[in-house]
N, C-alpha and C. Protein backbone atom coordinates (compact mmCIF):
# COMPACT_ATOMS: atom_id res chain seq x y z
N MET A 1 119.83 86.98 115.18
CA MET A 1 119.71 88.08 116.15
C MET A 1 118.25 88.54 116.26
N SER A 2 117.55 88.65 115.11
CA SER A 2 116.18 89.14 115.14
C SER A 2 115.27 88.17 115.88
N THR A 3 115.54 86.85 115.76
CA THR A 3 114.72 85.87 116.46
C THR A 3 114.83 86.04 117.96
N ASP A 4 116.05 86.27 118.44
CA ASP A 4 116.26 86.51 119.88
C ASP A 4 115.55 87.79 120.31
N SER A 5 115.62 88.82 119.46
CA SER A 5 114.96 90.09 119.78
C SER A 5 113.45 89.91 119.90
N ILE A 6 112.89 89.10 119.02
CA ILE A 6 111.44 88.88 119.05
C ILE A 6 111.04 88.11 120.30
N ARG A 7 111.83 87.10 120.66
CA ARG A 7 111.52 86.36 121.89
C ARG A 7 111.58 87.29 123.10
N ARG A 8 112.60 88.14 123.14
CA ARG A 8 112.73 89.11 124.23
C ARG A 8 111.55 90.09 124.21
N ALA A 9 111.16 90.52 123.01
CA ALA A 9 110.03 91.46 122.89
C ALA A 9 108.74 90.81 123.36
N ASP A 10 108.52 89.54 123.01
CA ASP A 10 107.33 88.83 123.45
C ASP A 10 107.27 88.78 124.98
N SER A 11 108.43 88.53 125.58
CA SER A 11 108.50 88.46 127.03
C SER A 11 108.19 89.81 127.67
N LEU A 12 108.75 90.87 127.10
CA LEU A 12 108.51 92.22 127.62
C LEU A 12 107.05 92.61 127.46
N PHE A 13 106.47 92.26 126.31
CA PHE A 13 105.06 92.60 126.06
C PHE A 13 104.16 91.88 127.07
N ALA A 14 104.46 90.61 127.32
CA ALA A 14 103.66 89.83 128.27
C ALA A 14 103.76 90.39 129.69
N SER A 15 104.91 90.98 130.01
CA SER A 15 105.10 91.53 131.36
C SER A 15 104.57 92.95 131.48
N GLY A 16 104.10 93.52 130.37
CA GLY A 16 103.52 94.86 130.41
C GLY A 16 104.45 95.97 129.97
N ASP A 17 105.69 95.63 129.61
CA ASP A 17 106.64 96.65 129.16
C ASP A 17 106.51 96.82 127.65
N GLN A 18 105.42 97.45 127.22
CA GLN A 18 105.13 97.55 125.80
C GLN A 18 106.08 98.48 125.07
N LEU A 19 106.55 99.51 125.75
CA LEU A 19 107.44 100.48 125.11
C LEU A 19 108.71 99.81 124.59
N ASN A 20 109.38 99.05 125.48
CA ASN A 20 110.61 98.38 125.06
C ASN A 20 110.32 97.21 124.12
N ALA A 21 109.14 96.61 124.28
CA ALA A 21 108.77 95.52 123.37
C ALA A 21 108.64 96.06 121.94
N VAL A 22 108.02 97.22 121.79
CA VAL A 22 107.86 97.83 120.48
C VAL A 22 109.22 98.12 119.85
N ARG A 23 110.15 98.63 120.64
CA ARG A 23 111.48 98.93 120.10
C ARG A 23 112.15 97.68 119.56
N LEU A 24 112.04 96.59 120.29
CA LEU A 24 112.66 95.35 119.83
C LEU A 24 111.95 94.78 118.61
N TYR A 25 110.62 94.84 118.61
CA TYR A 25 109.87 94.37 117.44
C TYR A 25 110.29 95.15 116.18
N GLU A 26 110.34 96.46 116.29
CA GLU A 26 110.63 97.27 115.11
C GLU A 26 112.10 97.16 114.71
N THR A 27 112.98 96.89 115.66
CA THR A 27 114.38 96.61 115.32
C THR A 27 114.46 95.33 114.49
N ALA A 28 113.71 94.32 114.90
CA ALA A 28 113.69 93.05 114.16
C ALA A 28 113.13 93.26 112.76
N LEU A 29 112.09 94.08 112.63
CA LEU A 29 111.51 94.36 111.32
C LEU A 29 112.50 95.10 110.44
N ALA A 30 113.24 96.04 111.03
CA ALA A 30 114.24 96.79 110.27
C ALA A 30 115.37 95.89 109.79
N GLU A 31 115.62 94.81 110.53
CA GLU A 31 116.66 93.85 110.14
C GLU A 31 116.18 92.86 109.09
N GLY A 32 114.92 92.99 108.69
CA GLY A 32 114.41 92.15 107.62
C GLY A 32 113.51 91.02 108.05
N HIS A 33 113.20 90.92 109.36
CA HIS A 33 112.30 89.86 109.82
C HIS A 33 110.87 90.19 109.39
N THR A 34 110.16 89.18 108.90
CA THR A 34 108.76 89.37 108.49
C THR A 34 107.86 89.35 109.72
N ALA A 35 107.01 90.35 109.82
CA ALA A 35 106.11 90.45 110.97
C ALA A 35 105.09 89.33 110.94
N THR A 36 104.90 88.68 112.06
CA THR A 36 103.84 87.68 112.18
C THR A 36 102.52 88.39 112.49
N ASP A 37 101.42 87.69 112.33
CA ASP A 37 100.12 88.28 112.66
C ASP A 37 100.03 88.70 114.13
N PRO A 38 100.44 87.86 115.09
CA PRO A 38 100.41 88.30 116.49
C PRO A 38 101.28 89.54 116.73
N MET A 39 102.42 89.63 116.03
CA MET A 39 103.28 90.79 116.20
C MET A 39 102.58 92.06 115.73
N LEU A 40 101.89 91.99 114.60
CA LEU A 40 101.18 93.16 114.09
C LEU A 40 100.11 93.63 115.07
N LEU A 41 99.38 92.69 115.65
CA LEU A 41 98.33 93.04 116.60
C LEU A 41 98.92 93.60 117.89
N LYS A 42 100.05 93.05 118.31
CA LYS A 42 100.71 93.58 119.51
C LYS A 42 101.21 95.00 119.28
N LEU A 43 101.79 95.24 118.11
CA LEU A 43 102.26 96.58 117.80
C LEU A 43 101.10 97.57 117.74
N ALA A 44 99.99 97.16 117.13
CA ALA A 44 98.82 98.03 117.07
C ALA A 44 98.30 98.33 118.48
N SER A 45 98.27 97.30 119.33
CA SER A 45 97.80 97.48 120.71
C SER A 45 98.72 98.40 121.49
N ALA A 46 100.03 98.21 121.30
CA ALA A 46 101.00 99.03 122.03
C ALA A 46 100.89 100.50 121.63
N TYR A 47 100.74 100.76 120.34
CA TYR A 47 100.62 102.15 119.91
C TYR A 47 99.28 102.76 120.30
N GLU A 48 98.26 101.93 120.45
CA GLU A 48 97.00 102.42 120.98
C GLU A 48 97.18 102.91 122.41
N GLN A 49 97.94 102.16 123.20
CA GLN A 49 98.22 102.55 124.58
C GLN A 49 99.04 103.83 124.64
N GLN A 50 99.87 104.05 123.61
CA GLN A 50 100.71 105.26 123.57
C GLN A 50 100.01 106.43 122.90
N ASN A 51 98.75 106.21 122.48
CA ASN A 51 97.96 107.23 121.78
C ASN A 51 98.61 107.67 120.48
N ASP A 52 99.35 106.77 119.85
CA ASP A 52 99.93 107.04 118.54
C ASP A 52 99.00 106.41 117.50
N VAL A 53 97.95 107.15 117.16
CA VAL A 53 96.90 106.62 116.29
C VAL A 53 97.41 106.28 114.89
N PRO A 54 98.23 107.13 114.25
CA PRO A 54 98.70 106.76 112.90
C PRO A 54 99.43 105.43 112.85
N ARG A 55 100.31 105.18 113.81
CA ARG A 55 101.03 103.90 113.80
C ARG A 55 100.09 102.74 114.15
N GLN A 56 99.14 102.97 115.02
CA GLN A 56 98.15 101.95 115.32
C GLN A 56 97.39 101.56 114.06
N LEU A 57 96.95 102.56 113.30
CA LEU A 57 96.21 102.29 112.07
C LEU A 57 97.10 101.63 111.03
N TYR A 58 98.37 102.00 111.00
CA TYR A 58 99.29 101.38 110.04
C TYR A 58 99.38 99.88 110.25
N TYR A 59 99.59 99.46 111.49
CA TYR A 59 99.74 98.03 111.75
C TYR A 59 98.41 97.28 111.60
N LEU A 60 97.31 97.94 111.93
CA LEU A 60 96.02 97.32 111.67
C LEU A 60 95.78 97.15 110.18
N ASP A 61 96.21 98.13 109.39
CA ASP A 61 96.01 98.05 107.95
C ASP A 61 96.88 96.97 107.33
N VAL A 62 98.10 96.82 107.82
CA VAL A 62 98.96 95.73 107.32
C VAL A 62 98.31 94.38 107.64
N TYR A 63 97.74 94.27 108.84
CA TYR A 63 97.04 93.04 109.21
C TYR A 63 95.82 92.82 108.32
N PHE A 64 95.11 93.91 108.02
CA PHE A 64 93.93 93.81 107.16
C PHE A 64 94.29 93.36 105.76
N GLU A 65 95.46 93.78 105.26
CA GLU A 65 95.90 93.35 103.94
C GLU A 65 96.06 91.83 103.88
N ARG A 66 96.49 91.26 104.99
CA ARG A 66 96.68 89.81 105.04
C ARG A 66 95.36 89.08 105.30
N HIS A 67 94.53 89.68 106.14
CA HIS A 67 93.29 89.02 106.56
C HIS A 67 92.12 89.99 106.40
N PRO A 68 91.64 90.18 105.17
CA PRO A 68 90.53 91.10 104.95
C PRO A 68 89.31 90.68 105.77
N ASP A 69 88.84 91.58 106.58
CA ASP A 69 87.73 91.25 107.48
C ASP A 69 86.92 92.51 107.73
N ASP A 70 85.62 92.38 107.68
CA ASP A 70 84.74 93.52 107.86
C ASP A 70 84.91 94.15 109.24
N ALA A 71 85.15 93.35 110.25
CA ALA A 71 85.31 93.87 111.61
C ALA A 71 86.55 94.76 111.71
N VAL A 72 87.65 94.35 111.07
CA VAL A 72 88.88 95.15 111.09
C VAL A 72 88.66 96.45 110.33
N LEU A 73 87.97 96.37 109.19
CA LEU A 73 87.69 97.57 108.40
C LEU A 73 86.86 98.56 109.21
N ARG A 74 85.83 98.08 109.89
CA ARG A 74 84.99 98.97 110.70
C ARG A 74 85.75 99.52 111.89
N ARG A 75 86.63 98.71 112.48
CA ARG A 75 87.45 99.16 113.60
C ARG A 75 88.36 100.32 113.17
N MET A 76 89.01 100.19 112.01
CA MET A 76 89.86 101.27 111.52
C MET A 76 89.04 102.52 111.22
N ASN A 77 87.86 102.33 110.66
CA ASN A 77 87.00 103.47 110.36
C ASN A 77 86.58 104.20 111.64
N ASP A 78 86.24 103.46 112.68
CA ASP A 78 85.85 104.07 113.95
C ASP A 78 87.00 104.88 114.55
N ILE A 79 88.20 104.31 114.52
CA ILE A 79 89.38 105.01 115.07
C ILE A 79 89.64 106.28 114.25
N ALA A 80 89.57 106.16 112.92
CA ALA A 80 89.85 107.30 112.05
C ALA A 80 88.83 108.42 112.25
N ARG A 81 87.56 108.06 112.34
CA ARG A 81 86.52 109.08 112.53
C ARG A 81 86.69 109.80 113.86
N ALA A 82 87.08 109.07 114.89
CA ALA A 82 87.28 109.68 116.21
C ALA A 82 88.46 110.65 116.22
N ASN A 83 89.35 110.50 115.24
CA ASN A 83 90.55 111.34 115.20
C ASN A 83 90.61 112.20 113.93
N ASN A 84 89.46 112.34 113.25
CA ASN A 84 89.34 113.21 112.07
C ASN A 84 90.35 112.85 110.98
N LEU A 85 90.50 111.58 110.72
CA LEU A 85 91.41 111.10 109.68
C LEU A 85 90.61 110.56 108.50
N SER A 86 91.11 110.79 107.31
CA SER A 86 90.41 110.40 106.09
C SER A 86 91.07 109.18 105.45
N GLY A 87 90.29 108.50 104.60
CA GLY A 87 90.81 107.40 103.82
C GLY A 87 90.41 106.02 104.32
N TYR A 88 89.74 105.95 105.47
CA TYR A 88 89.39 104.67 106.07
C TYR A 88 87.87 104.41 106.01
N GLU A 89 87.17 105.21 105.24
CA GLU A 89 85.71 105.13 105.22
C GLU A 89 85.23 103.75 104.76
N THR A 90 84.15 103.32 105.35
CA THR A 90 83.53 102.05 104.93
C THR A 90 82.58 102.34 103.78
N ASP A 91 83.15 102.79 102.66
CA ASP A 91 82.33 103.13 101.49
C ASP A 91 82.33 101.98 100.49
N ASP A 92 81.70 102.23 99.35
CA ASP A 92 81.58 101.18 98.34
C ASP A 92 82.94 100.69 97.84
N LEU A 93 83.89 101.63 97.68
CA LEU A 93 85.20 101.26 97.17
C LEU A 93 85.92 100.31 98.14
N ASN A 94 85.89 100.65 99.41
CA ASN A 94 86.56 99.79 100.40
C ASN A 94 85.87 98.44 100.53
N TYR A 95 84.55 98.43 100.41
CA TYR A 95 83.85 97.15 100.49
C TYR A 95 84.09 96.31 99.23
N PHE A 96 84.24 96.98 98.09
CA PHE A 96 84.61 96.23 96.88
C PHE A 96 85.98 95.60 97.06
N TYR A 97 86.92 96.37 97.63
CA TYR A 97 88.27 95.84 97.86
C TYR A 97 88.22 94.68 98.85
N LEU A 98 87.39 94.83 99.89
CA LEU A 98 87.23 93.75 100.87
C LEU A 98 86.67 92.50 100.19
N PHE A 99 85.65 92.69 99.35
CA PHE A 99 85.07 91.57 98.62
C PHE A 99 86.11 90.91 97.72
N TYR A 100 86.87 91.73 97.02
CA TYR A 100 87.88 91.20 96.10
C TYR A 100 88.92 90.37 96.85
N ARG A 101 89.39 90.89 97.99
CA ARG A 101 90.42 90.18 98.74
C ARG A 101 89.91 88.87 99.32
N LYS A 102 88.64 88.86 99.74
CA LYS A 102 88.10 87.66 100.38
C LYS A 102 87.62 86.62 99.38
N TYR A 103 86.96 87.08 98.31
CA TYR A 103 86.29 86.15 97.41
C TYR A 103 86.75 86.26 95.96
N GLY A 104 87.75 87.09 95.71
CA GLY A 104 88.18 87.33 94.34
C GLY A 104 88.61 86.08 93.61
N ILE A 105 89.29 85.17 94.30
CA ILE A 105 89.77 83.95 93.65
C ILE A 105 88.61 83.07 93.19
N TYR A 106 87.54 83.02 94.00
CA TYR A 106 86.37 82.21 93.62
C TYR A 106 85.63 82.83 92.45
N PHE A 107 85.50 84.16 92.48
CA PHE A 107 84.83 84.87 91.39
C PHE A 107 85.63 84.74 90.10
N LEU A 108 86.97 84.78 90.24
CA LEU A 108 87.83 84.63 89.08
C LEU A 108 87.67 83.24 88.45
N LEU A 109 87.63 82.22 89.30
CA LEU A 109 87.44 80.86 88.79
C LEU A 109 86.09 80.72 88.10
N PHE A 110 85.08 81.37 88.66
CA PHE A 110 83.74 81.35 88.06
C PHE A 110 83.76 81.97 86.67
N LEU A 111 84.52 83.07 86.51
CA LEU A 111 84.61 83.73 85.22
C LEU A 111 85.47 82.94 84.23
N LEU A 112 86.44 82.20 84.74
CA LEU A 112 87.34 81.46 83.86
C LEU A 112 86.66 80.25 83.21
N ILE A 113 85.67 79.69 83.89
CA ILE A 113 85.01 78.48 83.36
C ILE A 113 84.37 78.74 82.00
N PRO A 114 83.49 79.75 81.87
CA PRO A 114 82.92 80.00 80.53
C PRO A 114 83.97 80.47 79.53
N ALA A 115 84.97 81.23 80.02
CA ALA A 115 86.02 81.70 79.11
C ALA A 115 86.79 80.51 78.55
N GLY A 116 87.11 79.55 79.41
CA GLY A 116 87.82 78.37 78.96
C GLY A 116 87.00 77.53 77.99
N TYR A 117 85.71 77.44 78.26
CA TYR A 117 84.83 76.66 77.39
C TYR A 117 84.75 77.28 75.99
N VAL A 118 84.50 78.59 75.95
CA VAL A 118 84.36 79.27 74.67
C VAL A 118 85.68 79.23 73.89
N PHE A 119 86.77 79.44 74.60
CA PHE A 119 88.08 79.40 73.93
C PHE A 119 88.35 78.01 73.34
N SER A 120 87.97 76.97 74.07
CA SER A 120 88.17 75.59 73.59
C SER A 120 87.34 75.33 72.34
N VAL A 121 86.10 75.84 72.35
CA VAL A 121 85.22 75.65 71.19
C VAL A 121 85.81 76.35 69.96
N LEU A 122 86.32 77.57 70.15
CA LEU A 122 86.90 78.31 69.04
C LEU A 122 88.15 77.60 68.50
N MET A 123 88.97 77.09 69.40
CA MET A 123 90.17 76.38 68.97
C MET A 123 89.80 75.10 68.22
N LEU A 124 88.76 74.41 68.70
CA LEU A 124 88.32 73.19 68.03
C LEU A 124 87.81 73.49 66.62
N LYS A 125 87.07 74.58 66.50
CA LYS A 125 86.59 74.99 65.18
C LYS A 125 87.76 75.33 64.25
N ARG A 126 88.76 75.96 64.83
CA ARG A 126 89.93 76.34 64.01
C ARG A 126 90.67 75.09 63.53
N LEU A 127 90.79 74.09 64.42
CA LEU A 127 91.47 72.84 64.04
C LEU A 127 90.69 72.09 62.96
N ARG A 128 89.38 72.21 63.02
CA ARG A 128 88.53 71.57 62.00
C ARG A 128 88.39 72.42 60.75
N LYS A 129 89.05 73.57 60.78
CA LYS A 129 89.02 74.51 59.66
C LYS A 129 87.61 75.00 59.36
N GLU A 130 86.83 75.17 60.45
CA GLU A 130 85.49 75.74 60.32
C GLU A 130 85.58 77.25 60.49
N ASP A 131 84.68 77.94 59.85
CA ASP A 131 84.66 79.40 59.96
C ASP A 131 84.20 79.84 61.35
N VAL A 132 84.91 80.83 61.89
CA VAL A 132 84.54 81.41 63.18
C VAL A 132 84.08 82.84 62.92
N PRO A 133 82.82 83.16 63.21
CA PRO A 133 82.34 84.52 62.97
C PRO A 133 83.20 85.57 63.69
N GLN A 134 83.44 86.66 63.00
CA GLN A 134 84.27 87.73 63.57
C GLN A 134 83.67 88.27 64.87
N ARG A 135 82.35 88.27 64.92
CA ARG A 135 81.68 88.78 66.13
C ARG A 135 82.03 87.94 67.35
N GLN A 136 82.08 86.61 67.19
CA GLN A 136 82.43 85.72 68.30
C GLN A 136 83.86 85.96 68.77
N LYS A 137 84.75 86.22 67.81
CA LYS A 137 86.14 86.50 68.17
C LYS A 137 86.23 87.76 69.03
N TRP A 138 85.49 88.79 68.63
CA TRP A 138 85.52 90.04 69.38
C TRP A 138 84.91 89.89 70.76
N ILE A 139 83.85 89.11 70.86
CA ILE A 139 83.22 88.89 72.17
C ILE A 139 84.20 88.21 73.12
N VAL A 140 84.89 87.18 72.62
CA VAL A 140 85.87 86.47 73.46
C VAL A 140 87.01 87.41 73.84
N PHE A 141 87.48 88.22 72.89
CA PHE A 141 88.58 89.14 73.17
C PHE A 141 88.21 90.14 74.26
N VAL A 142 87.01 90.74 74.13
CA VAL A 142 86.57 91.73 75.12
C VAL A 142 86.38 91.07 76.49
N TYR A 143 85.83 89.87 76.51
CA TYR A 143 85.61 89.14 77.76
C TYR A 143 86.94 88.88 78.46
N LEU A 144 87.93 88.41 77.69
CA LEU A 144 89.24 88.11 78.28
C LEU A 144 89.94 89.39 78.73
N LEU A 145 89.73 90.48 78.01
CA LEU A 145 90.31 91.75 78.39
C LEU A 145 89.74 92.24 79.72
N LEU A 146 88.42 92.15 79.87
CA LEU A 146 87.79 92.53 81.13
C LEU A 146 88.24 91.63 82.28
N LEU A 147 88.43 90.37 81.98
CA LEU A 147 88.91 89.42 82.98
C LEU A 147 90.32 89.80 83.44
N LEU A 148 91.14 90.21 82.49
CA LEU A 148 92.51 90.64 82.81
C LEU A 148 92.50 91.88 83.69
N VAL A 149 91.62 92.82 83.36
CA VAL A 149 91.52 94.04 84.17
C VAL A 149 91.07 93.72 85.58
N PHE A 150 90.06 92.86 85.72
CA PHE A 150 89.57 92.48 87.04
C PHE A 150 90.66 91.81 87.87
N THR A 151 91.49 91.01 87.19
CA THR A 151 92.53 90.27 87.90
C THR A 151 93.65 91.17 88.39
N ASN A 152 94.01 92.18 87.61
CA ASN A 152 95.22 92.95 87.89
C ASN A 152 94.99 94.34 88.48
N LEU A 153 93.82 94.93 88.25
CA LEU A 153 93.63 96.30 88.70
C LEU A 153 93.75 96.47 90.21
N PRO A 154 93.04 95.71 91.05
CA PRO A 154 93.18 95.91 92.50
C PRO A 154 94.58 95.63 93.01
N GLU A 155 95.30 94.67 92.38
CA GLU A 155 96.64 94.36 92.82
C GLU A 155 97.61 95.48 92.47
N GLY A 156 97.25 96.28 91.45
CA GLY A 156 98.16 97.34 91.04
C GLY A 156 98.02 98.61 91.86
N VAL A 157 97.09 98.63 92.79
CA VAL A 157 96.87 99.81 93.63
C VAL A 157 97.42 99.54 95.02
N GLU A 158 98.36 100.37 95.44
CA GLU A 158 98.88 100.30 96.80
C GLU A 158 98.22 101.37 97.64
N SER A 159 98.40 101.28 98.92
CA SER A 159 97.92 102.32 99.81
C SER A 159 99.02 102.66 100.80
N GLY A 160 98.88 103.81 101.42
CA GLY A 160 99.87 104.25 102.40
C GLY A 160 99.24 105.20 103.40
N ILE A 161 99.98 105.46 104.47
CA ILE A 161 99.51 106.35 105.53
C ILE A 161 100.53 107.46 105.71
N THR A 162 100.06 108.69 105.72
CA THR A 162 100.97 109.83 105.86
C THR A 162 101.69 109.76 107.21
N SER A 163 102.99 110.00 107.16
CA SER A 163 103.83 109.78 108.35
C SER A 163 104.36 111.05 108.98
N GLN A 164 104.05 112.21 108.39
CA GLN A 164 104.56 113.48 108.90
C GLN A 164 103.41 114.40 109.28
N ASP A 165 103.72 115.38 110.14
CA ASP A 165 102.68 116.31 110.57
C ASP A 165 102.27 117.28 109.46
N ARG A 166 103.19 117.54 108.54
CA ARG A 166 102.89 118.42 107.39
C ARG A 166 103.26 117.70 106.11
N VAL A 167 102.26 117.24 105.39
CA VAL A 167 102.48 116.55 104.11
C VAL A 167 101.89 117.43 103.01
N LEU A 168 102.75 117.82 102.05
CA LEU A 168 102.33 118.74 101.00
C LEU A 168 101.79 117.96 99.80
N LEU A 169 100.58 118.31 99.39
CA LEU A 169 99.98 117.73 98.19
C LEU A 169 100.26 118.69 97.03
N ARG A 170 101.00 118.22 96.03
CA ARG A 170 101.39 119.07 94.91
C ARG A 170 100.70 118.61 93.62
N THR A 171 100.61 119.53 92.67
CA THR A 171 99.97 119.22 91.40
C THR A 171 100.88 118.43 90.47
N ASP A 172 102.19 118.51 90.68
CA ASP A 172 103.16 117.82 89.84
C ASP A 172 104.29 117.28 90.72
N PRO A 173 105.04 116.30 90.21
CA PRO A 173 106.13 115.71 91.00
C PRO A 173 107.39 116.57 91.01
N SER A 174 107.27 117.73 91.62
CA SER A 174 108.39 118.67 91.67
C SER A 174 108.25 119.57 92.88
N ALA A 175 109.39 119.92 93.47
CA ALA A 175 109.37 120.83 94.63
C ALA A 175 108.90 122.22 94.24
N ALA A 176 108.95 122.53 92.94
CA ALA A 176 108.50 123.85 92.46
C ALA A 176 107.02 123.87 92.12
N ALA A 177 106.37 122.73 92.15
CA ALA A 177 104.95 122.66 91.79
C ALA A 177 104.10 123.29 92.89
N PRO A 178 102.96 123.86 92.52
CA PRO A 178 102.08 124.48 93.51
C PRO A 178 101.58 123.47 94.55
N VAL A 179 101.45 123.94 95.78
CA VAL A 179 100.90 123.13 96.87
C VAL A 179 99.41 123.38 96.94
N VAL A 180 98.63 122.32 96.74
CA VAL A 180 97.18 122.45 96.74
C VAL A 180 96.62 122.38 98.16
N GLU A 181 97.22 121.50 98.97
CA GLU A 181 96.71 121.28 100.32
C GLU A 181 97.83 120.73 101.20
N VAL A 182 97.73 121.00 102.48
CA VAL A 182 98.66 120.44 103.46
C VAL A 182 97.85 119.57 104.41
N ILE A 183 98.21 118.30 104.51
CA ILE A 183 97.48 117.40 105.40
C ILE A 183 98.42 116.88 106.48
N GLY A 184 97.83 116.35 107.53
CA GLY A 184 98.61 115.90 108.68
C GLY A 184 98.96 114.42 108.63
N ARG A 185 99.39 113.94 109.77
CA ARG A 185 99.85 112.56 109.91
C ARG A 185 98.66 111.63 110.15
N GLY A 186 98.70 110.45 109.50
CA GLY A 186 97.70 109.44 109.79
C GLY A 186 96.62 109.26 108.75
N HIS A 187 96.58 110.11 107.72
CA HIS A 187 95.58 109.96 106.67
C HIS A 187 96.00 108.84 105.72
N LYS A 188 95.02 108.12 105.19
CA LYS A 188 95.30 107.03 104.25
C LYS A 188 95.07 107.50 102.83
N VAL A 189 96.02 107.16 101.95
CA VAL A 189 95.92 107.55 100.54
C VAL A 189 96.11 106.31 99.67
N ASN A 190 95.48 106.32 98.50
CA ASN A 190 95.71 105.28 97.51
C ASN A 190 96.83 105.72 96.58
N ILE A 191 97.78 104.83 96.36
CA ILE A 191 98.96 105.14 95.55
C ILE A 191 98.77 104.55 94.16
N LEU A 192 98.83 105.42 93.14
CA LEU A 192 98.56 104.99 91.77
C LEU A 192 99.80 105.07 90.88
N GLY A 193 100.95 105.18 91.48
CA GLY A 193 102.17 105.23 90.68
C GLY A 193 103.22 106.07 91.38
N ALA A 194 104.37 106.20 90.74
CA ALA A 194 105.47 106.96 91.33
C ALA A 194 106.33 107.58 90.24
N LYS A 195 106.96 108.68 90.57
CA LYS A 195 107.91 109.31 89.67
C LYS A 195 109.01 109.93 90.52
N ASP A 196 110.21 109.39 90.37
CA ASP A 196 111.36 109.83 91.15
C ASP A 196 111.07 109.67 92.64
N ILE A 197 111.14 110.76 93.40
CA ILE A 197 110.92 110.67 94.85
C ILE A 197 109.47 110.96 95.23
N TYR A 198 108.60 111.07 94.23
CA TYR A 198 107.21 111.41 94.50
C TYR A 198 106.28 110.23 94.19
N LEU A 199 105.20 110.18 94.95
CA LEU A 199 104.14 109.19 94.73
C LEU A 199 102.92 109.90 94.17
N ARG A 200 102.26 109.28 93.20
CA ARG A 200 100.99 109.81 92.69
C ARG A 200 99.88 109.19 93.53
N VAL A 201 99.12 110.03 94.22
CA VAL A 201 98.13 109.52 95.16
C VAL A 201 96.74 110.07 94.83
N LEU A 202 95.75 109.30 95.23
CA LEU A 202 94.36 109.73 95.08
C LEU A 202 93.89 110.23 96.44
N TRP A 203 93.50 111.51 96.47
CA TRP A 203 93.05 112.13 97.71
C TRP A 203 91.74 112.86 97.44
N HIS A 204 90.67 112.41 98.05
CA HIS A 204 89.35 113.00 97.85
C HIS A 204 89.00 113.08 96.35
N ASN A 205 89.27 111.96 95.66
CA ASN A 205 88.94 111.79 94.24
C ASN A 205 89.73 112.71 93.32
N GLU A 206 90.85 113.23 93.80
CA GLU A 206 91.74 114.03 92.97
C GLU A 206 93.14 113.45 93.03
N LEU A 207 93.90 113.61 91.93
CA LEU A 207 95.26 113.10 91.88
C LEU A 207 96.27 114.18 92.26
N TYR A 208 97.16 113.84 93.19
CA TYR A 208 98.21 114.74 93.62
C TYR A 208 99.52 113.97 93.74
N PHE A 209 100.59 114.71 94.06
CA PHE A 209 101.89 114.10 94.29
C PHE A 209 102.40 114.46 95.67
N ILE A 210 102.92 113.46 96.37
CA ILE A 210 103.55 113.70 97.67
C ILE A 210 104.89 112.97 97.71
N ARG A 211 105.78 113.45 98.54
CA ARG A 211 107.09 112.83 98.65
C ARG A 211 106.97 111.42 99.24
N ARG A 212 107.76 110.52 98.70
CA ARG A 212 107.73 109.12 99.14
C ARG A 212 108.08 108.99 100.62
N ASP A 213 109.01 109.83 101.11
CA ASP A 213 109.43 109.71 102.51
C ASP A 213 108.42 110.29 103.49
N ASN A 214 107.28 110.73 102.99
CA ASN A 214 106.20 111.22 103.86
C ASN A 214 105.09 110.20 104.02
N VAL A 215 105.34 108.96 103.55
CA VAL A 215 104.28 107.95 103.54
C VAL A 215 104.84 106.61 104.03
N TRP A 216 104.08 105.95 104.90
CA TRP A 216 104.35 104.54 105.22
C TRP A 216 103.55 103.72 104.22
N ILE A 217 104.22 103.04 103.33
CA ILE A 217 103.54 102.24 102.34
C ILE A 217 103.10 100.91 102.97
N ILE A 218 101.86 100.54 102.78
CA ILE A 218 101.32 99.32 103.39
C ILE A 218 101.62 98.12 102.50
């Protein structure tokens, strides 16, 4: 059924009926169909025509997750700045993430080569029953630990876009917790964990909690 809906949506989009095309695309996504790259760009374009900036940024960000590109990052930043939205800045953190997504595998392989060599030498010494200085063991351990952090830290951070006009930032994951700030729809936040129905998010370098149903997770 979703395949037929997508074909119909493609036809409607090509004929200029973007409103009904979007409905069919999102129905197919709700039924479990995986969005293709052209579908994501069409949805972003359609919501741009409807002046629905948060949804436009959401689909652009999903596309960016698949295809990290400086042009897409700058495009999202331009749209966000024009609409006073935070979280899309082309700062050092976002460029590090862009670098990691584009070249992380090559950098990881580069780091693994010396690690593999040193580990092999240590194992060979152990098989020959030669003494291995404690300092060398610690150096290898710390190196492998840093390598593990580099490999897993960026993957462990999710991001999301606020989906409601009033999103409450709380100090703790509870409806009784104090509200520090109220933000609107379309801001991007980094998600650093979850507890029950709340997400732990980083907002302007501070940690807060917001309800999960107030965020489109990318």
